[in-house]
Amino acid sequence: MKYFCLLVVTVMFTLTARAETSSTIVVVSDYLFNGVSQTDERPALQVSLDWAGEDGIYAGLWGSNVKFGEGTNLEADGYLGYSTTFTNTINIDIGVAQYSYHGERFSSDYNYAETWLKVNYGHCAVNFWYAWDYFGTGAGHVIAMVTYTLPISDSFSVLASTDISTSLDEQLWSWESNDKDYIHWRVGGQYQFKGLDFSLGIEGTDLDTYGDTTLLLTVSRTFNF
């Protein structure tokens, strides 16, 4: 993780002279990762630091409190990507992220890397993520998502999405007994007011033991430097 973060920071400082720099602070009623709570259904404070270059390269660092119930209490991630627009309606984004966990000596055992491909066409997006050592289990893992965003006004839009998370080696990792995948869905609205971004939505999964249907509230503010 430290070498990946060093790479991210190097890219950030290299691009600073011709890049947009920003930081986003988020308060969320529950940190949901593909519909599964990472904070034992409790609120989270999340902070990111982002660099976006004129040539499409971007990099960032992101952190959040977590609560796994065994002492792990912090997630700190780094990411590096490239985004380009082909037409007025088609955009492609590729990148890699490194997830890291802290709080106990064994928390780093969960660390893993993930790549992504995102294709946006108008208001619709199709996204894919692939991890070859998901959550430190050694299992390959794929997430495929489809989203649709409908702008209602300059400040308000509605969003609907569904995704499926699949373990490529259920002997190493499965979500539930004899269940290598699950579906996650979300419907919500996004509203901007005086520099604040508000999001309110309902999301859930088809898992039996966790991933209950949840009402999620998010408030965020982005600061540009």
C-alpha atoms as a PDB file:
ATOM      1  CA  MET A   1       0.000   0.000   0.000  1.00  0.00           C
ATOM      2  CA  LYS A   2       2.735   2.508   0.910  1.00  0.00           C
ATOM      3  CA  TYR A   3       4.380   2.153  -2.505  1.00  0.00           C
ATOM      4  CA  PHE A   4       1.083   2.658  -4.307  1.00  0.00           C
ATOM      5  CA  CYS A   5       0.313   5.743  -2.189  1.00  0.00           C
ATOM      6  CA  LEU A   6       3.806   7.059  -2.953  1.00  0.00           C
ATOM      7  CA  LEU A   7       3.038   6.659  -6.658  1.00  0.00           C
ATOM      8  CA  VAL A   8      -0.296   8.464  -6.248  1.00  0.00           C
ATOM      9  CA  VAL A   9       1.311  11.337  -4.335  1.00  0.00           C
ATOM     10  CA  THR A  10       4.083  11.586  -6.957  1.00  0.00           C
ATOM     11  CA  VAL A  11       1.512  11.850  -9.734  1.00  0.00           C
ATOM     12  CA  MET A  12      -0.408  14.451  -7.725  1.00  0.00           C
ATOM     13  CA  PHE A  13       2.593  16.729  -7.284  1.00  0.00           C
ATOM     14  CA  THR A  14       3.696  16.202 -10.880  1.00  0.00           C
ATOM     15  CA  LEU A  15       0.293  17.350 -12.135  1.00  0.00           C
ATOM     16  CA  THR A  16      -0.189  20.186  -9.660  1.00  0.00           C
ATOM     17  CA  ALA A  17       0.983  22.913 -12.031  1.00  0.00           C
ATOM     18  CA  ARG A  18      -1.672  22.027 -14.608  1.00  0.00           C
ATOM     19  CA  ALA A  19      -4.366  20.329 -12.567  1.00  0.00           C
ATOM     20  CA  GLU A  20      -7.457  21.031 -10.562  1.00  0.00           C
ATOM     21  CA  THR A  21      -7.090  20.157  -6.906  1.00  0.00           C
ATOM     22  CA  SER A  22     -10.030  19.547  -4.604  1.00  0.00           C
ATOM     23  CA  SER A  23     -11.042  17.955  -1.341  1.00  0.00           C
ATOM     24  CA  THR A  24     -14.454  16.527  -0.478  1.00  0.00           C
ATOM     25  CA  ILE A  25     -15.799  15.999   3.028  1.00  0.00           C
ATOM     26  CA  VAL A  26     -18.726  13.593   3.346  1.00  0.00           C
ATOM     27  CA  VAL A  27     -21.001  12.688   6.243  1.00  0.00           C
ATOM     28  CA  VAL A  28     -23.062   9.573   5.549  1.00  0.00           C
ATOM     29  CA  SER A  29     -25.653   7.838   7.712  1.00  0.00           C
ATOM     30  CA  ASP A  30     -24.077   4.441   6.932  1.00  0.00           C
ATOM     31  CA  TYR A  31     -20.984   3.511   4.927  1.00  0.00           C
ATOM     32  CA  LEU A  32     -22.428   1.060   2.413  1.00  0.00           C
ATOM     33  CA  PHE A  33     -20.064  -0.765   0.063  1.00  0.00           C
ATOM     34  CA  ASN A  34     -22.210  -2.319  -2.667  1.00  0.00           C
ATOM     35  CA  GLY A  35     -25.087  -2.385  -0.201  1.00  0.00           C
ATOM     36  CA  VAL A  36     -23.168  -3.969   2.689  1.00  0.00           C
ATOM     37  CA  SER A  37     -22.480  -1.825   5.763  1.00  0.00           C
ATOM     38  CA  GLN A  38     -18.823  -1.227   6.617  1.00  0.00           C
ATOM     39  CA  THR A  39     -19.666   0.634   9.853  1.00  0.00           C
ATOM     40  CA  ASP A  40     -22.115  -1.746  11.565  1.00  0.00           C
ATOM     41  CA  GLU A  41     -25.001   0.424  10.269  1.00  0.00           C
ATOM     42  CA  ARG A  42     -23.531   3.540  11.901  1.00  0.00           C
ATOM     43  CA  PRO A  43     -22.580   6.943  10.410  1.00  0.00           C
ATOM     44  CA  ALA A  44     -19.237   7.608   8.761  1.00  0.00           C
ATOM     45  CA  LEU A  45     -17.029  10.608   8.089  1.00  0.00           C
ATOM     46  CA  GLN A  46     -15.192  10.400   4.777  1.00  0.00           C
ATOM     47  CA  VAL A  47     -12.558  12.674   3.261  1.00  0.00           C
ATOM     48  CA  SER A  48     -10.906  12.683  -0.163  1.00  0.00           C
ATOM     49  CA  LEU A  49      -8.092  14.648  -1.764  1.00  0.00           C
ATOM     50  CA  ASP A  50      -8.179  14.728  -5.576  1.00  0.00           C
ATOM     51  CA  TRP A  51      -6.011  15.915  -8.468  1.00  0.00           C
ATOM     52  CA  ALA A  52      -7.417  16.077 -12.012  1.00  0.00           C
ATOM     53  CA  GLY A  53      -5.018  16.872 -14.870  1.00  0.00           C
ATOM     54  CA  GLU A  54      -5.910  18.568 -18.134  1.00  0.00           C
ATOM     55  CA  ASP A  55      -4.821  15.465 -20.056  1.00  0.00           C
ATOM     56  CA  GLY A  56      -7.373  13.224 -18.316  1.00  0.00           C
ATOM     57  CA  ILE A  57      -5.089  11.671 -15.710  1.00  0.00           C
ATOM     58  CA  TYR A  58      -6.335  11.928 -12.132  1.00  0.00           C
ATOM     59  CA  ALA A  59      -5.255  10.649  -8.735  1.00  0.00           C
ATOM     60  CA  GLY A  60      -6.511  10.762  -5.203  1.00  0.00           C
ATOM     61  CA  LEU A  61      -6.530   9.596  -1.622  1.00  0.00           C
ATOM     62  CA  TRP A  62      -9.684   8.664   0.297  1.00  0.00           C
ATOM     63  CA  GLY A  63     -10.382   7.694   3.912  1.00  0.00           C
ATOM     64  CA  SER A  64     -13.294   6.622   6.097  1.00  0.00           C
ATOM     65  CA  ASN A  65     -13.959   5.186   9.504  1.00  0.00           C
ATOM     66  CA  VAL A  66     -15.104   1.538   9.466  1.00  0.00           C
ATOM     67  CA  LYS A  67     -16.300  -0.922  12.082  1.00  0.00           C
ATOM     68  CA  PHE A  68     -15.832  -4.614  11.383  1.00  0.00           C
ATOM     69  CA  GLY A  69     -16.259  -5.670  15.007  1.00  0.00           C
ATOM     70  CA  GLU A  70     -12.694  -6.956  15.513  1.00  0.00           C
ATOM     71  CA  GLY A  71     -10.718  -3.751  15.943  1.00  0.00           C
ATOM     72  CA  THR A  72     -10.345  -2.553  12.359  1.00  0.00           C
ATOM     73  CA  ASN A  73     -11.510   1.064  12.395  1.00  0.00           C
ATOM     74  CA  LEU A  74     -10.020   2.867   9.387  1.00  0.00           C
ATOM     75  CA  GLU A  75     -10.000   2.430   5.622  1.00  0.00           C
ATOM     76  CA  ALA A  76      -7.473   4.459   3.608  1.00  0.00           C
ATOM     77  CA  ASP A  77      -7.378   4.127  -0.182  1.00  0.00           C
ATOM     78  CA  GLY A  78      -5.353   5.499  -3.060  1.00  0.00           C
ATOM     79  CA  TYR A  79      -6.397   5.598  -6.700  1.00  0.00           C
ATOM     80  CA  LEU A  80      -5.007   6.516 -10.092  1.00  0.00           C
ATOM     81  CA  GLY A  81      -7.021   6.764 -13.295  1.00  0.00           C
ATOM     82  CA  TYR A  82      -7.502   8.170 -16.766  1.00  0.00           C
ATOM     83  CA  SER A  83     -10.712   9.612 -18.202  1.00  0.00           C
ATOM     84  CA  THR A  84     -11.352  10.661 -21.799  1.00  0.00           C
ATOM     85  CA  THR A  85     -14.336  11.859 -23.820  1.00  0.00           C
ATOM     86  CA  PHE A  86     -14.851  10.502 -27.346  1.00  0.00           C
ATOM     87  CA  THR A  87     -18.011  12.426 -28.224  1.00  0.00           C
ATOM     88  CA  ASN A  88     -20.379  14.765 -26.429  1.00  0.00           C
ATOM     89  CA  THR A  89     -22.134  11.732 -24.941  1.00  0.00           C
ATOM     90  CA  ILE A  90     -19.493   8.984 -24.575  1.00  0.00           C
ATOM     91  CA  ASN A  91     -16.872   8.976 -21.824  1.00  0.00           C
ATOM     92  CA  ILE A  92     -14.499   6.170 -20.787  1.00  0.00           C
ATOM     93  CA  ASP A  93     -12.724   5.960 -17.428  1.00  0.00           C
ATOM     94  CA  ILE A  94     -10.106   3.367 -16.453  1.00  0.00           C
ATOM     95  CA  GLY A  95      -8.068   3.113 -13.290  1.00  0.00           C
ATOM     96  CA  VAL A  96      -6.718   1.183 -10.333  1.00  0.00           C
ATOM     97  CA  ALA A  97      -7.286   1.548  -6.594  1.00  0.00           C
ATOM     98  CA  GLN A  98      -5.532   0.146  -3.546  1.00  0.00           C
ATOM     99  CA  TYR A  99      -7.699  -0.476  -0.481  1.00  0.00           C
ATOM    100  CA  SER A 100      -5.994  -0.619   2.914  1.00  0.00           C
ATOM    101  CA  TYR A 101      -7.340  -1.220   6.426  1.00  0.00           C
ATOM    102  CA  HIS A 102      -5.986  -0.211   9.821  1.00  0.00           C
ATOM    103  CA  GLY A 103      -6.641  -0.536  13.539  1.00  0.00           C
ATOM    104  CA  GLU A 104      -5.211  -3.970  14.374  1.00  0.00           C
ATOM    105  CA  ARG A 105      -2.012  -5.765  13.381  1.00  0.00           C
ATOM    106  CA  PHE A 106      -4.020  -8.152  11.206  1.00  0.00           C
ATOM    107  CA  SER A 107      -6.117  -5.415   9.534  1.00  0.00           C
ATOM    108  CA  SER A 108      -3.648  -5.174   6.647  1.00  0.00           C
ATOM    109  CA  ASP A 109      -4.478  -8.786   5.769  1.00  0.00           C
ATOM    110  CA  TYR A 110      -7.652  -7.377   4.167  1.00  0.00           C
ATOM    111  CA  ASN A 111      -5.741  -5.063   1.810  1.00  0.00           C
ATOM    112  CA  TYR A 112      -6.358  -5.547  -1.880  1.00  0.00           C
ATOM    113  CA  ALA A 113      -6.129  -3.816  -5.262  1.00  0.00           C
ATOM    114  CA  GLU A 114      -8.873  -3.335  -7.821  1.00  0.00           C
ATOM    115  CA  THR A 115      -9.089  -2.115 -11.421  1.00  0.00           C
ATOM    116  CA  TRP A 116     -12.100  -0.567 -13.117  1.00  0.00           C
ATOM    117  CA  LEU A 117     -13.600   0.326 -16.472  1.00  0.00           C
ATOM    118  CA  LYS A 118     -16.463   2.822 -16.651  1.00  0.00           C
ATOM    119  CA  VAL A 119     -18.359   3.711 -19.821  1.00  0.00           C
ATOM    120  CA  ASN A 120     -20.800   6.624 -19.747  1.00  0.00           C
ATOM    121  CA  TYR A 121     -23.283   7.209 -22.539  1.00  0.00           C
ATOM    122  CA  GLY A 122     -25.492  10.206 -21.923  1.00  0.00           C
ATOM    123  CA  HIS A 123     -27.344   9.650 -18.669  1.00  0.00           C
ATOM    124  CA  CYS A 124     -26.523   5.926 -18.577  1.00  0.00           C
ATOM    125  CA  ALA A 125     -23.325   4.270 -17.307  1.00  0.00           C
ATOM    126  CA  VAL A 126     -21.990   0.711 -17.354  1.00  0.00           C
ATOM    127  CA  ASN A 127     -19.187   0.070 -14.851  1.00  0.00           C
ATOM    128  CA  PHE A 128     -16.957  -2.927 -14.123  1.00  0.00           C
ATOM    129  CA  TRP A 129     -14.521  -3.589 -11.268  1.00  0.00           C
ATOM    130  CA  TYR A 130     -12.090  -6.509 -11.003  1.00  0.00           C
ATOM    131  CA  ALA A 131     -10.000  -7.572  -7.988  1.00  0.00           C
ATOM    132  CA  TRP A 132      -7.604 -10.524  -8.128  1.00  0.00           C
ATOM    133  CA  ASP A 133      -7.190 -10.849  -4.341  1.00  0.00           C
ATOM    134  CA  TYR A 134     -10.543  -9.690  -3.018  1.00  0.00           C
ATOM    135  CA  PHE A 135     -10.338  -8.525   0.594  1.00  0.00           C
ATOM    136  CA  GLY A 136      -7.121 -10.500   0.974  1.00  0.00           C
ATOM    137  CA  THR A 137      -8.848 -13.835   0.368  1.00  0.00           C
ATOM    138  CA  GLY A 138      -6.963 -14.732  -2.806  1.00  0.00           C
ATOM    139  CA  ALA A 139     -10.235 -14.933  -4.738  1.00  0.00           C
ATOM    140  CA  GLY A 140     -10.880 -13.127  -7.995  1.00  0.00           C
ATOM    141  CA  HIS A 141     -13.924 -10.859  -7.788  1.00  0.00           C
ATOM    142  CA  VAL A 142     -16.000  -8.925 -10.336  1.00  0.00           C
ATOM    143  CA  ILE A 143     -18.633  -6.218  -9.905  1.00  0.00           C
ATOM    144  CA  ALA A 144     -20.814  -5.120 -12.849  1.00  0.00           C
ATOM    145  CA  MET A 145     -23.106  -2.096 -12.470  1.00  0.00           C
ATOM    146  CA  VAL A 146     -25.650  -0.230 -14.582  1.00  0.00           C
ATOM    147  CA  THR A 147     -26.788   3.256 -13.546  1.00  0.00           C
ATOM    148  CA  TYR A 148     -29.216   5.807 -14.946  1.00  0.00           C
ATOM    149  CA  THR A 149     -29.305   9.440 -13.852  1.00  0.00           C
ATOM    150  CA  LEU A 150     -32.236  11.671 -14.809  1.00  0.00           C
ATOM    151  CA  PRO A 151     -31.693  15.428 -14.363  1.00  0.00           C
ATOM    152  CA  ILE A 152     -34.870  17.169 -13.239  1.00  0.00           C
ATOM    153  CA  SER A 153     -33.358  20.622 -12.902  1.00  0.00           C
ATOM    154  CA  ASP A 154     -29.919  22.238 -12.619  1.00  0.00           C
ATOM    155  CA  SER A 155     -29.797  21.306  -8.929  1.00  0.00           C
ATOM    156  CA  PHE A 156     -31.876  18.114  -8.660  1.00  0.00           C
ATOM    157  CA  SER A 157     -31.625  14.678 -10.275  1.00  0.00           C
ATOM    158  CA  VAL A 158     -32.843  11.153  -9.609  1.00  0.00           C
ATOM    159  CA  LEU A 159     -30.683   8.055  -9.829  1.00  0.00           C
ATOM    160  CA  ALA A 160     -31.361   4.335 -10.189  1.00  0.00           C
ATOM    161  CA  SER A 161     -28.710   1.616 -10.253  1.00  0.00           C
ATOM    162  CA  THR A 162     -28.264  -2.113  -9.942  1.00  0.00           C
ATOM    163  CA  ASP A 163     -25.110  -4.201  -9.718  1.00  0.00           C
ATOM    164  CA  ILE A 164     -24.029  -7.781  -9.212  1.00  0.00           C
ATOM    165  CA  SER A 165     -20.971  -8.808  -7.171  1.00  0.00           C
ATOM    166  CA  THR A 166     -19.505 -12.182  -8.116  1.00  0.00           C
ATOM    167  CA  SER A 167     -16.738 -14.275  -6.562  1.00  0.00           C
ATOM    168  CA  LEU A 168     -14.696 -16.063  -9.226  1.00  0.00           C
ATOM    169  CA  ASP A 169     -13.500 -18.650  -6.700  1.00  0.00           C
ATOM    170  CA  GLU A 170     -16.197 -19.517  -4.160  1.00  0.00           C
ATOM    171  CA  GLN A 171     -13.831 -21.984  -2.469  1.00  0.00           C
ATOM    172  CA  LEU A 172     -11.813 -18.977  -1.286  1.00  0.00           C
ATOM    173  CA  TRP A 173     -14.658 -16.481  -0.886  1.00  0.00           C
ATOM    174  CA  SER A 174     -18.448 -16.629  -0.990  1.00  0.00           C
ATOM    175  CA  TRP A 175     -20.964 -14.129   0.257  1.00  0.00           C
ATOM    176  CA  GLU A 176     -23.161 -16.741   1.862  1.00  0.00           C
ATOM    177  CA  SER A 177     -23.131 -20.531   1.953  1.00  0.00           C
ATOM    178  CA  ASN A 178     -23.256 -21.841  -1.625  1.00  0.00           C
ATOM    179  CA  ASP A 179     -23.865 -18.316  -2.912  1.00  0.00           C
ATOM    180  CA  LYS A 180     -21.025 -16.836  -4.967  1.00  0.00           C
ATOM    181  CA  ASP A 181     -22.853 -13.642  -5.974  1.00  0.00           C
ATOM    182  CA  TYR A 182     -25.517 -11.171  -4.920  1.00  0.00           C
ATOM    183  CA  ILE A 183     -27.505  -8.284  -6.399  1.00  0.00           C
ATOM    184  CA  HIS A 184     -27.494  -4.764  -4.998  1.00  0.00           C
ATOM    185  CA  TRP A 185     -29.920  -2.009  -6.051  1.00  0.00           C
ATOM    186  CA  ARG A 186     -30.435   1.658  -5.276  1.00  0.00           C
ATOM    187  CA  VAL A 187     -33.003   4.385  -6.030  1.00  0.00           C
ATOM    188  CA  GLY A 188     -32.496   7.939  -4.832  1.00  0.00           C
ATOM    189  CA  GLY A 189     -32.296  11.654  -5.435  1.00  0.00           C
ATOM    190  CA  GLN A 190     -29.437  14.159  -5.465  1.00  0.00           C
ATOM    191  CA  TYR A 191     -29.811  17.862  -4.652  1.00  0.00           C
ATOM    192  CA  GLN A 192     -27.345  20.752  -4.637  1.00  0.00           C
ATOM    193  CA  PHE A 193     -27.926  23.765  -2.386  1.00  0.00           C
ATOM    194  CA  LYS A 194     -25.514  26.571  -1.506  1.00  0.00           C
ATOM    195  CA  GLY A 195     -22.396  24.514  -2.145  1.00  0.00           C
ATOM    196  CA  LEU A 196     -23.674  21.410  -0.365  1.00  0.00           C
ATOM    197  CA  ASP A 197     -24.563  18.131  -2.079  1.00  0.00           C
ATOM    198  CA  PHE A 198     -27.400  16.120  -0.550  1.00  0.00           C
ATOM    199  CA  SER A 199     -28.290  12.563  -1.434  1.00  0.00           C
ATOM    200  CA  LEU A 200     -31.197  10.511  -0.113  1.00  0.00           C
ATOM    201  CA  GLY A 201     -31.914   7.014  -1.343  1.00  0.00           C
ATOM    202  CA  ILE A 202     -33.112   3.531  -0.576  1.00  0.00           C
ATOM    203  CA  GLU A 203     -30.890   0.573  -1.314  1.00  0.00           C
ATOM    204  CA  GLY A 204     -30.742  -3.105  -0.544  1.00  0.00           C
ATOM    205  CA  THR A 205     -29.495  -6.533  -1.601  1.00  0.00           C
ATOM    206  CA  ASP A 206     -30.817 -10.065  -2.041  1.00  0.00           C
ATOM    207  CA  LEU A 207     -28.503 -11.344   0.711  1.00  0.00           C
ATOM    208  CA  ASP A 208     -30.125 -13.057   3.691  1.00  0.00           C
ATOM    209  CA  THR A 209     -27.643 -12.428   6.497  1.00  0.00           C
ATOM    210  CA  TYR A 210     -26.619  -8.798   5.799  1.00  0.00           C
ATOM    211  CA  GLY A 211     -27.189  -6.052   3.254  1.00  0.00           C
ATOM    212  CA  ASP A 212     -30.655  -5.154   4.559  1.00  0.00           C
ATOM    213  CA  THR A 213     -32.766  -2.526   2.815  1.00  0.00           C
ATOM    214  CA  THR A 214     -31.518   0.830   4.100  1.00  0.00           C
ATOM    215  CA  LEU A 215     -32.453   4.494   3.866  1.00  0.00           C
ATOM    216  CA  LEU A 216     -29.191   6.305   3.199  1.00  0.00           C
ATOM    217  CA  LEU A 217     -28.569  10.033   3.715  1.00  0.00           C
ATOM    218  CA  THR A 218     -25.390  11.713   2.497  1.00  0.00           C
ATOM    219  CA  VAL A 219     -24.242  15.314   2.874  1.00  0.00           C
ATOM    220  CA  SER A 220     -21.011  16.487   1.245  1.00  0.00           C
ATOM    221  CA  ARG A 221     -19.045  19.625   0.435  1.00  0.00           C
ATOM    222  CA  THR A 222     -16.249  19.969  -2.108  1.00  0.00           C
ATOM    223  CA  PHE A 223     -13.503  22.555  -1.735  1.00  0.00           C
ATOM    224  CA  ASN A 224     -11.441  23.569  -4.789  1.00  0.00           C
ATOM    225  CA  PHE A 225      -7.884  24.845  -4.411  1.00  0.00           C
END
